[in-house]
């Protein structure tokens, strides 16, 4: 007995494909995010996905944008909660580290660079920049926030790629990278609060 496929709008079809691509990324790594694998997972044809994304690199770029959008929205909410006293800087650090590690953003970024698909990183970089500008209390020129973001992303990306192995070789706990990032982020957060109180 055949089951008729549910008719989806182009946007629903695209979103379903991106969700499937994200699942494949998390389950099997970036090399598994192919048009064929995604098409199989969502019950669509290879041609259907070619229509939406144009190529495998187009799919990767769209996945990077999709991850950046969902992850940055979550991190932005955590930053605002922390500023309002409803959360803490460690929440922001954990969300950022999880985005690059458990959510697969670090592996995807590395895979795209190795594959020569460097421009696929643009949506990630642009979304982080947009998030920082949205959160900047001192406007676009909030250098401290820019530096904190750069440091946090570097630490999270490095930890996702080799944190487990490096921490083990140094005799450190797996969480050490997060703890370092959390301390630095909390210090910066405290300095910002002190500066605001002094004004």
C-alpha atoms as a PDB file:
ATOM      1  CA  UNK A   1       0.000   0.000   0.000  1.00  0.00           C
ATOM      2  CA  UNK A   2       1.498   3.349  -0.968  1.00  0.00           C
ATOM      3  CA  UNK A   3       1.117   6.378   1.193  1.00  0.00           C
ATOM      4  CA  UNK A   4       0.508   9.640  -0.605  1.00  0.00           C
ATOM      5  CA  UNK A   5       3.049  12.286   0.283  1.00  0.00           C
ATOM      6  CA  UNK A   6       1.662  15.300   2.069  1.00  0.00           C
ATOM      7  CA  UNK A   7       1.605  18.352  -0.162  1.00  0.00           C
ATOM      8  CA  UNK A   8       3.834  21.034   1.301  1.00  0.00           C
ATOM      9  CA  UNK A   9       4.269  24.662   0.376  1.00  0.00           C
ATOM     10  CA  UNK A  10       7.739  25.502  -0.972  1.00  0.00           C
ATOM     11  CA  UNK A  11       8.619  27.115   2.376  1.00  0.00           C
ATOM     12  CA  UNK A  12       7.422  24.094   4.358  1.00  0.00           C
ATOM     13  CA  UNK A  13       9.370  21.775   2.073  1.00  0.00           C
ATOM     14  CA  UNK A  14      12.521  23.875   2.483  1.00  0.00           C
ATOM     15  CA  UNK A  15      12.117  24.018   6.275  1.00  0.00           C
ATOM     16  CA  UNK A  16      11.553  20.246   6.483  1.00  0.00           C
ATOM     17  CA  UNK A  17      14.721  19.699   4.443  1.00  0.00           C
ATOM     18  CA  UNK A  18      16.746  21.994   6.705  1.00  0.00           C
ATOM     19  CA  UNK A  19      15.446  20.262   9.823  1.00  0.00           C
ATOM     20  CA  UNK A  20      16.411  16.905   8.313  1.00  0.00           C
ATOM     21  CA  UNK A  21      19.843  18.264   7.380  1.00  0.00           C
ATOM     22  CA  UNK A  22      20.323  19.454  10.949  1.00  0.00           C
ATOM     23  CA  UNK A  23      19.373  16.004  12.290  1.00  0.00           C
ATOM     24  CA  UNK A  24      21.844  14.331   9.930  1.00  0.00           C
ATOM     25  CA  UNK A  25      24.558  16.778  10.964  1.00  0.00           C
ATOM     26  CA  UNK A  26      24.045  16.042  14.660  1.00  0.00           C
ATOM     27  CA  UNK A  27      23.672  12.278  14.222  1.00  0.00           C
ATOM     28  CA  UNK A  28      26.365  11.513  11.654  1.00  0.00           C
ATOM     29  CA  UNK A  29      28.497  14.615  11.068  1.00  0.00           C
ATOM     30  CA  UNK A  30      28.796  17.127   8.237  1.00  0.00           C
ATOM     31  CA  UNK A  31      29.858  14.609   5.577  1.00  0.00           C
ATOM     32  CA  UNK A  32      26.398  13.036   5.871  1.00  0.00           C
ATOM     33  CA  UNK A  33      24.581  16.227   4.855  1.00  0.00           C
ATOM     34  CA  UNK A  34      24.053  15.441   1.183  1.00  0.00           C
ATOM     35  CA  UNK A  35      21.124  16.198  -1.085  1.00  0.00           C
ATOM     36  CA  UNK A  36      20.439  12.476  -1.455  1.00  0.00           C
ATOM     37  CA  UNK A  37      20.474  11.797   2.294  1.00  0.00           C
ATOM     38  CA  UNK A  38      18.228  14.753   3.074  1.00  0.00           C
ATOM     39  CA  UNK A  39      15.840  13.846   0.256  1.00  0.00           C
ATOM     40  CA  UNK A  40      15.591  10.295   1.579  1.00  0.00           C
ATOM     41  CA  UNK A  41      14.945  11.489   5.113  1.00  0.00           C
ATOM     42  CA  UNK A  42      12.112  13.855   4.132  1.00  0.00           C
ATOM     43  CA  UNK A  43      10.628  11.590   1.468  1.00  0.00           C
ATOM     44  CA  UNK A  44      11.327  13.946  -1.416  1.00  0.00           C
ATOM     45  CA  UNK A  45      13.256  13.580  -4.625  1.00  0.00           C
ATOM     46  CA  UNK A  46      16.796  14.670  -5.289  1.00  0.00           C
ATOM     47  CA  UNK A  47      15.414  16.994  -7.972  1.00  0.00           C
ATOM     48  CA  UNK A  48      13.098  18.606  -5.427  1.00  0.00           C
ATOM     49  CA  UNK A  49      16.040  19.507  -3.215  1.00  0.00           C
ATOM     50  CA  UNK A  50      18.057  20.720  -6.186  1.00  0.00           C
ATOM     51  CA  UNK A  51      15.161  23.072  -6.905  1.00  0.00           C
ATOM     52  CA  UNK A  52      15.348  24.503  -3.362  1.00  0.00           C
ATOM     53  CA  UNK A  53      19.106  24.620  -2.827  1.00  0.00           C
ATOM     54  CA  UNK A  54      20.756  24.348  -6.237  1.00  0.00           C
ATOM     55  CA  UNK A  55      23.633  22.124  -5.072  1.00  0.00           C
ATOM     56  CA  UNK A  56      25.139  20.385  -2.056  1.00  0.00           C
ATOM     57  CA  UNK A  57      27.100  23.552  -1.247  1.00  0.00           C
ATOM     58  CA  UNK A  58      23.840  25.513  -1.476  1.00  0.00           C
ATOM     59  CA  UNK A  59      22.296  23.101   1.020  1.00  0.00           C
ATOM     60  CA  UNK A  60      25.275  23.571   3.355  1.00  0.00           C
ATOM     61  CA  UNK A  61      25.004  27.340   3.087  1.00  0.00           C
ATOM     62  CA  UNK A  62      21.265  27.217   3.826  1.00  0.00           C
ATOM     63  CA  UNK A  63      21.911  24.887   6.772  1.00  0.00           C
ATOM     64  CA  UNK A  64      24.563  27.266   8.112  1.00  0.00           C
ATOM     65  CA  UNK A  65      22.079  30.152   7.868  1.00  0.00           C
ATOM     66  CA  UNK A  66      19.356  28.063   9.525  1.00  0.00           C
ATOM     67  CA  UNK A  67      21.659  27.062  12.395  1.00  0.00           C
ATOM     68  CA  UNK A  68      22.906  30.611  12.818  1.00  0.00           C
ATOM     69  CA  UNK A  69      19.373  31.987  12.979  1.00  0.00           C
ATOM     70  CA  UNK A  70      18.045  29.504  15.528  1.00  0.00           C
ATOM     71  CA  UNK A  71      21.193  29.447  17.664  1.00  0.00           C
ATOM     72  CA  UNK A  72      21.732  33.214  17.730  1.00  0.00           C
ATOM     73  CA  UNK A  73      18.098  33.797  18.690  1.00  0.00           C
ATOM     74  CA  UNK A  74      18.507  31.438  21.654  1.00  0.00           C
ATOM     75  CA  UNK A  75      21.813  33.006  22.716  1.00  0.00           C
ATOM     76  CA  UNK A  76      20.354  36.509  22.362  1.00  0.00           C
ATOM     77  CA  UNK A  77      17.499  35.613  24.704  1.00  0.00           C
ATOM     78  CA  UNK A  78      19.984  34.222  27.242  1.00  0.00           C
ATOM     79  CA  UNK A  79      22.089  37.412  27.127  1.00  0.00           C
ATOM     80  CA  UNK A  80      19.012  39.578  27.731  1.00  0.00           C
ATOM     81  CA  UNK A  81      17.939  37.354  30.648  1.00  0.00           C
ATOM     82  CA  UNK A  82      21.425  37.578  32.125  1.00  0.00           C
ATOM     83  CA  UNK A  83      21.375  41.358  31.892  1.00  0.00           C
ATOM     84  CA  UNK A  84      17.969  41.429  33.562  1.00  0.00           C
ATOM     85  CA  UNK A  85      19.276  39.301  36.434  1.00  0.00           C
ATOM     86  CA  UNK A  86      17.183  36.286  35.390  1.00  0.00           C
ATOM     87  CA  UNK A  87      20.105  34.218  34.151  1.00  0.00           C
ATOM     88  CA  UNK A  88      23.864  34.196  34.366  1.00  0.00           C
ATOM     89  CA  UNK A  89      26.838  34.462  32.007  1.00  0.00           C
ATOM     90  CA  UNK A  90      27.435  30.691  32.211  1.00  0.00           C
ATOM     91  CA  UNK A  91      24.082  30.148  30.450  1.00  0.00           C
ATOM     92  CA  UNK A  92      25.373  32.150  27.476  1.00  0.00           C
ATOM     93  CA  UNK A  93      28.664  30.237  27.467  1.00  0.00           C
ATOM     94  CA  UNK A  94      26.922  26.848  27.610  1.00  0.00           C
ATOM     95  CA  UNK A  95      24.551  27.743  24.773  1.00  0.00           C
ATOM     96  CA  UNK A  96      27.456  28.940  22.616  1.00  0.00           C
ATOM     97  CA  UNK A  97      29.598  25.871  23.332  1.00  0.00           C
ATOM     98  CA  UNK A  98      26.613  23.567  22.710  1.00  0.00           C
ATOM     99  CA  UNK A  99      25.918  25.313  19.393  1.00  0.00           C
ATOM    100  CA  UNK A 100      29.403  24.537  18.124  1.00  0.00           C
ATOM    101  CA  UNK A 101      29.668  21.088  19.688  1.00  0.00           C
ATOM    102  CA  UNK A 102      26.356  19.271  20.216  1.00  0.00           C
ATOM    103  CA  UNK A 103      24.499  21.190  17.499  1.00  0.00           C
ATOM    104  CA  UNK A 104      27.303  20.552  15.008  1.00  0.00           C
ATOM    105  CA  UNK A 105      28.093  24.139  13.970  1.00  0.00           C
ATOM    106  CA  UNK A 106      31.824  23.671  14.579  1.00  0.00           C
ATOM    107  CA  UNK A 107      32.028  20.507  12.512  1.00  0.00           C
ATOM    108  CA  UNK A 108      29.915  22.057   9.747  1.00  0.00           C
ATOM    109  CA  UNK A 109      32.107  25.176   9.611  1.00  0.00           C
ATOM    110  CA  UNK A 110      35.265  23.060   9.408  1.00  0.00           C
ATOM    111  CA  UNK A 111      33.779  20.780   6.760  1.00  0.00           C
ATOM    112  CA  UNK A 112      32.769  23.741   4.607  1.00  0.00           C
ATOM    113  CA  UNK A 113      36.250  25.252   4.853  1.00  0.00           C
ATOM    114  CA  UNK A 114      37.913  21.956   3.969  1.00  0.00           C
ATOM    115  CA  UNK A 115      35.487  21.503   1.049  1.00  0.00           C
ATOM    116  CA  UNK A 116      36.354  24.957  -0.306  1.00  0.00           C
ATOM    117  CA  UNK A 117      32.859  26.251   0.448  1.00  0.00           C
ATOM    118  CA  UNK A 118      34.145  29.195   2.500  1.00  0.00           C
ATOM    119  CA  UNK A 119      31.402  31.607   1.490  1.00  0.00           C
ATOM    120  CA  UNK A 120      28.908  29.259   3.149  1.00  0.00           C
ATOM    121  CA  UNK A 121      30.240  30.604   6.454  1.00  0.00           C
ATOM    122  CA  UNK A 122      28.972  34.089   5.592  1.00  0.00           C
ATOM    123  CA  UNK A 123      25.487  33.522   7.074  1.00  0.00           C
ATOM    124  CA  UNK A 124      27.015  32.428  10.389  1.00  0.00           C
ATOM    125  CA  UNK A 125      29.362  35.404  10.564  1.00  0.00           C
ATOM    126  CA  UNK A 126      26.638  37.833   9.467  1.00  0.00           C
ATOM    127  CA  UNK A 127      24.125  36.507  12.005  1.00  0.00           C
ATOM    128  CA  UNK A 128      26.656  36.716  14.858  1.00  0.00           C
ATOM    129  CA  UNK A 129      27.459  40.290  13.799  1.00  0.00           C
ATOM    130  CA  UNK A 130      23.760  41.128  13.678  1.00  0.00           C
ATOM    131  CA  UNK A 131      23.213  39.613  17.126  1.00  0.00           C
ATOM    132  CA  UNK A 132      26.119  41.583  18.597  1.00  0.00           C
ATOM    133  CA  UNK A 133      24.827  44.818  17.113  1.00  0.00           C
ATOM    134  CA  UNK A 134      21.332  44.111  18.454  1.00  0.00           C
ATOM    135  CA  UNK A 135      22.727  43.482  21.934  1.00  0.00           C
ATOM    136  CA  UNK A 136      25.236  46.337  21.942  1.00  0.00           C
ATOM    137  CA  UNK A 137      24.204  48.930  24.457  1.00  0.00           C
ATOM    138  CA  UNK A 138      26.881  51.299  23.204  1.00  0.00           C
ATOM    139  CA  UNK A 139      25.793  50.961  19.580  1.00  0.00           C
ATOM    140  CA  UNK A 140      27.744  49.366  16.766  1.00  0.00           C
ATOM    141  CA  UNK A 141      31.029  50.590  18.283  1.00  0.00           C
ATOM    142  CA  UNK A 142      30.722  48.538  21.494  1.00  0.00           C
ATOM    143  CA  UNK A 143      34.270  47.197  21.188  1.00  0.00           C
ATOM    144  CA  UNK A 144      34.135  45.258  24.460  1.00  0.00           C
ATOM    145  CA  UNK A 145      31.100  43.271  23.335  1.00  0.00           C
ATOM    146  CA  UNK A 146      32.734  42.617  19.967  1.00  0.00           C
ATOM    147  CA  UNK A 147      35.903  41.357  21.647  1.00  0.00           C
ATOM    148  CA  UNK A 148      33.929  39.202  24.096  1.00  0.00           C
ATOM    149  CA  UNK A 149      31.996  37.667  21.213  1.00  0.00           C
ATOM    150  CA  UNK A 150      35.148  36.964  19.218  1.00  0.00           C
ATOM    151  CA  UNK A 151      36.810  35.322  22.215  1.00  0.00           C
ATOM    152  CA  UNK A 152      33.747  33.246  23.119  1.00  0.00           C
ATOM    153  CA  UNK A 153      33.235  32.006  19.551  1.00  0.00           C
ATOM    154  CA  UNK A 154      36.932  31.126  19.196  1.00  0.00           C
ATOM    155  CA  UNK A 155      36.884  29.209  22.475  1.00  0.00           C
ATOM    156  CA  UNK A 156      33.651  27.402  21.607  1.00  0.00           C
ATOM    157  CA  UNK A 157      34.836  26.491  18.107  1.00  0.00           C
ATOM    158  CA  UNK A 158      38.232  25.271  19.331  1.00  0.00           C
ATOM    159  CA  UNK A 159      36.594  23.275  22.112  1.00  0.00           C
ATOM    160  CA  UNK A 160      34.183  21.638  19.660  1.00  0.00           C
ATOM    161  CA  UNK A 161      36.987  20.604  17.325  1.00  0.00           C
ATOM    162  CA  UNK A 162      39.625  19.363  19.770  1.00  0.00           C
ATOM    163  CA  UNK A 163      38.645  20.258  23.338  1.00  0.00           C
ATOM    164  CA  UNK A 164      38.030  16.704  24.507  1.00  0.00           C
ATOM    165  CA  UNK A 165      41.349  15.414  23.196  1.00  0.00           C
ATOM    166  CA  UNK A 166      43.404  18.417  24.324  1.00  0.00           C
ATOM    167  CA  UNK A 167      41.879  18.557  27.811  1.00  0.00           C
ATOM    168  CA  UNK A 168      42.526  14.827  28.246  1.00  0.00           C
ATOM    169  CA  UNK A 169      46.146  15.144  27.097  1.00  0.00           C
ATOM    170  CA  UNK A 170      46.691  17.961  29.610  1.00  0.00           C
ATOM    171  CA  UNK A 171      45.040  16.026  32.429  1.00  0.00           C
ATOM    172  CA  UNK A 172      42.140  18.489  32.644  1.00  0.00           C
ATOM    173  CA  UNK A 173      38.413  17.874  32.997  1.00  0.00           C
ATOM    174  CA  UNK A 174      36.342  17.999  29.804  1.00  0.00           C
ATOM    175  CA  UNK A 175      34.443  21.071  31.058  1.00  0.00           C
ATOM    176  CA  UNK A 176      37.613  23.138  31.570  1.00  0.00           C
ATOM    177  CA  UNK A 177      37.208  25.088  28.321  1.00  0.00           C
ATOM    178  CA  UNK A 178      33.676  26.097  29.297  1.00  0.00           C
ATOM    179  CA  UNK A 179      34.827  27.047  32.775  1.00  0.00           C
ATOM    180  CA  UNK A 180      37.574  29.282  31.383  1.00  0.00           C
ATOM    181  CA  UNK A 181      35.123  30.936  29.002  1.00  0.00           C
ATOM    182  CA  UNK A 182      32.545  31.375  31.771  1.00  0.00           C
ATOM    183  CA  UNK A 183      35.100  33.040  34.082  1.00  0.00           C
ATOM    184  CA  UNK A 184      36.242  35.443  31.399  1.00  0.00           C
ATOM    185  CA  UNK A 185      32.688  36.211  30.299  1.00  0.00           C
ATOM    186  CA  UNK A 186      31.570  36.779  33.923  1.00  0.00           C
ATOM    187  CA  UNK A 187      34.540  39.083  34.566  1.00  0.00           C
ATOM    188  CA  UNK A 188      33.711  41.142  31.509  1.00  0.00           C
ATOM    189  CA  UNK A 189      30.039  41.211  32.494  1.00  0.00           C
ATOM    190  CA  UNK A 190      30.963  42.423  35.997  1.00  0.00           C
ATOM    191  CA  UNK A 191      33.263  45.137  34.612  1.00  0.00           C
ATOM    192  CA  UNK A 192      30.474  46.323  32.337  1.00  0.00           C
ATOM    193  CA  UNK A 193      28.058  46.489  35.286  1.00  0.00           C
ATOM    194  CA  UNK A 194      30.616  48.425  37.371  1.00  0.00           C
ATOM    195  CA  UNK A 195      31.204  50.894  34.543  1.00  0.00           C
ATOM    196  CA  UNK A 196      27.459  51.420  34.112  1.00  0.00           C
ATOM    197  CA  UNK A 197      27.018  51.941  37.864  1.00  0.00           C
ATOM    198  CA  UNK A 198      29.814  54.518  37.921  1.00  0.00           C
ATOM    199  CA  UNK A 199      28.193  56.612  35.173  1.00  0.00           C
END
